[in-house]
């Protein structure tokens, strides 16, 4: 259930980015969706605030797809002992 909630929020945020339209799937990369680097940073900031997690700079190259971001948030919340 927690992963579905995180995915729904991330997809909602991605759909709010200018230029993003159509189907947004977990396997889609931010580049494929037309999300530029500034919009990606804004998106990550929203996710950090929504879920109370910090995304360190060294994790950024590993977060390429929507699923990568969902997995990162779920893992970070589990480490905090909290169900997202």
C-alpha atoms as a PDB file:
ATOM      1  CA  UNK A   1       0.000   0.000   0.000  1.00  0.00           C
ATOM      2  CA  UNK A   2       2.776   2.453   0.891  1.00  0.00           C
ATOM      3  CA  UNK A   3       4.513   2.093  -2.453  1.00  0.00           C
ATOM      4  CA  UNK A   4       1.245   2.749  -4.299  1.00  0.00           C
ATOM      5  CA  UNK A   5       0.712   5.961  -2.320  1.00  0.00           C
ATOM      6  CA  UNK A   6       4.232   7.182  -3.049  1.00  0.00           C
ATOM      7  CA  UNK A   7       3.834   6.330  -6.745  1.00  0.00           C
ATOM      8  CA  UNK A   8       0.494   8.148  -6.953  1.00  0.00           C
ATOM      9  CA  UNK A   9       1.950  11.305  -5.387  1.00  0.00           C
ATOM     10  CA  UNK A  10       5.084  11.214  -7.572  1.00  0.00           C
ATOM     11  CA  UNK A  11       3.009  10.685 -10.741  1.00  0.00           C
ATOM     12  CA  UNK A  12       0.722  13.561  -9.726  1.00  0.00           C
ATOM     13  CA  UNK A  13       3.749  15.822  -9.242  1.00  0.00           C
ATOM     14  CA  UNK A  14       5.238  14.730 -12.595  1.00  0.00           C
ATOM     15  CA  UNK A  15       1.965  15.438 -14.400  1.00  0.00           C
ATOM     16  CA  UNK A  16       2.120  18.956 -12.960  1.00  0.00           C
ATOM     17  CA  UNK A  17       5.416  19.681 -14.717  1.00  0.00           C
ATOM     18  CA  UNK A  18       5.062  21.863 -17.812  1.00  0.00           C
ATOM     19  CA  UNK A  19       5.326  19.861 -21.013  1.00  0.00           C
ATOM     20  CA  UNK A  20       4.432  16.493 -19.498  1.00  0.00           C
ATOM     21  CA  UNK A  21       1.366  14.894 -21.024  1.00  0.00           C
ATOM     22  CA  UNK A  22       0.007  11.466 -21.741  1.00  0.00           C
ATOM     23  CA  UNK A  23       0.727   8.243 -19.903  1.00  0.00           C
ATOM     24  CA  UNK A  24       3.189   8.483 -17.021  1.00  0.00           C
ATOM     25  CA  UNK A  25       4.543   5.054 -16.098  1.00  0.00           C
ATOM     26  CA  UNK A  26       7.008   3.973 -13.446  1.00  0.00           C
ATOM     27  CA  UNK A  27       9.514   2.823 -16.049  1.00  0.00           C
ATOM     28  CA  UNK A  28       9.587   6.202 -17.769  1.00  0.00           C
ATOM     29  CA  UNK A  29      12.706   8.283 -17.254  1.00  0.00           C
ATOM     30  CA  UNK A  30      12.391  11.953 -16.478  1.00  0.00           C
ATOM     31  CA  UNK A  31      14.209  12.668 -19.773  1.00  0.00           C
ATOM     32  CA  UNK A  32      11.691  10.568 -21.738  1.00  0.00           C
ATOM     33  CA  UNK A  33       8.885  12.542 -20.161  1.00  0.00           C
ATOM     34  CA  UNK A  34      10.499  15.835 -21.139  1.00  0.00           C
ATOM     35  CA  UNK A  35      11.276  16.881 -17.572  1.00  0.00           C
ATOM     36  CA  UNK A  36      14.305  19.175 -17.690  1.00  0.00           C
ATOM     37  CA  UNK A  37      16.923  19.413 -14.946  1.00  0.00           C
ATOM     38  CA  UNK A  38      15.332  22.432 -13.224  1.00  0.00           C
ATOM     39  CA  UNK A  39      11.922  20.767 -13.199  1.00  0.00           C
ATOM     40  CA  UNK A  40      13.505  17.570 -11.871  1.00  0.00           C
ATOM     41  CA  UNK A  41      15.045  19.499  -8.973  1.00  0.00           C
ATOM     42  CA  UNK A  42      11.676  21.136  -8.244  1.00  0.00           C
ATOM     43  CA  UNK A  43      10.028  17.713  -8.359  1.00  0.00           C
ATOM     44  CA  UNK A  44      12.578  16.224  -5.965  1.00  0.00           C
ATOM     45  CA  UNK A  45      12.095  19.170  -3.594  1.00  0.00           C
ATOM     46  CA  UNK A  46       8.327  18.582  -3.566  1.00  0.00           C
ATOM     47  CA  UNK A  47       8.846  14.877  -2.886  1.00  0.00           C
ATOM     48  CA  UNK A  48      11.265  15.639  -0.045  1.00  0.00           C
ATOM     49  CA  UNK A  49       8.752  17.974   1.586  1.00  0.00           C
ATOM     50  CA  UNK A  50       5.765  15.688   1.016  1.00  0.00           C
ATOM     51  CA  UNK A  51       7.391  12.602   2.494  1.00  0.00           C
ATOM     52  CA  UNK A  52       9.875  14.134   4.931  1.00  0.00           C
ATOM     53  CA  UNK A  53      12.924  12.562   3.332  1.00  0.00           C
ATOM     54  CA  UNK A  54      16.230  14.013   2.210  1.00  0.00           C
ATOM     55  CA  UNK A  55      17.566  13.054  -1.196  1.00  0.00           C
ATOM     56  CA  UNK A  56      21.356  13.461  -0.983  1.00  0.00           C
ATOM     57  CA  UNK A  57      23.328  14.719  -3.963  1.00  0.00           C
ATOM     58  CA  UNK A  58      25.096  11.378  -4.324  1.00  0.00           C
ATOM     59  CA  UNK A  59      21.721   9.666  -4.890  1.00  0.00           C
ATOM     60  CA  UNK A  60      20.697  11.962  -7.744  1.00  0.00           C
ATOM     61  CA  UNK A  61      22.513  10.065 -10.533  1.00  0.00           C
ATOM     62  CA  UNK A  62      20.717   6.897  -9.407  1.00  0.00           C
ATOM     63  CA  UNK A  63      17.240   8.425  -9.673  1.00  0.00           C
ATOM     64  CA  UNK A  64      16.543   8.234 -13.391  1.00  0.00           C
ATOM     65  CA  UNK A  65      12.978   6.911 -13.573  1.00  0.00           C
ATOM     66  CA  UNK A  66       9.780   7.442 -11.642  1.00  0.00           C
ATOM     67  CA  UNK A  67      10.197   3.972 -10.136  1.00  0.00           C
ATOM     68  CA  UNK A  68      13.723   4.866  -8.984  1.00  0.00           C
ATOM     69  CA  UNK A  69      12.292   7.833  -7.095  1.00  0.00           C
ATOM     70  CA  UNK A  70       9.449   5.768  -5.625  1.00  0.00           C
ATOM     71  CA  UNK A  71      11.907   3.078  -4.499  1.00  0.00           C
ATOM     72  CA  UNK A  72      14.185   5.692  -2.920  1.00  0.00           C
ATOM     73  CA  UNK A  73      11.335   7.273  -0.938  1.00  0.00           C
ATOM     74  CA  UNK A  74       9.946   3.928   0.246  1.00  0.00           C
ATOM     75  CA  UNK A  75      13.412   2.796   1.330  1.00  0.00           C
ATOM     76  CA  UNK A  76      14.136   6.077   3.121  1.00  0.00           C
ATOM     77  CA  UNK A  77      10.838   5.917   5.006  1.00  0.00           C
ATOM     78  CA  UNK A  78      11.458   2.300   5.996  1.00  0.00           C
ATOM     79  CA  UNK A  79      14.874   3.315   7.376  1.00  0.00           C
ATOM     80  CA  UNK A  80      13.053   5.961   9.430  1.00  0.00           C
ATOM     81  CA  UNK A  81      10.742   3.234  10.701  1.00  0.00           C
ATOM     82  CA  UNK A  82       7.764   4.932   9.103  1.00  0.00           C
ATOM     83  CA  UNK A  83       5.304   3.639   6.545  1.00  0.00           C
ATOM     84  CA  UNK A  84       4.901   6.298   3.814  1.00  0.00           C
END
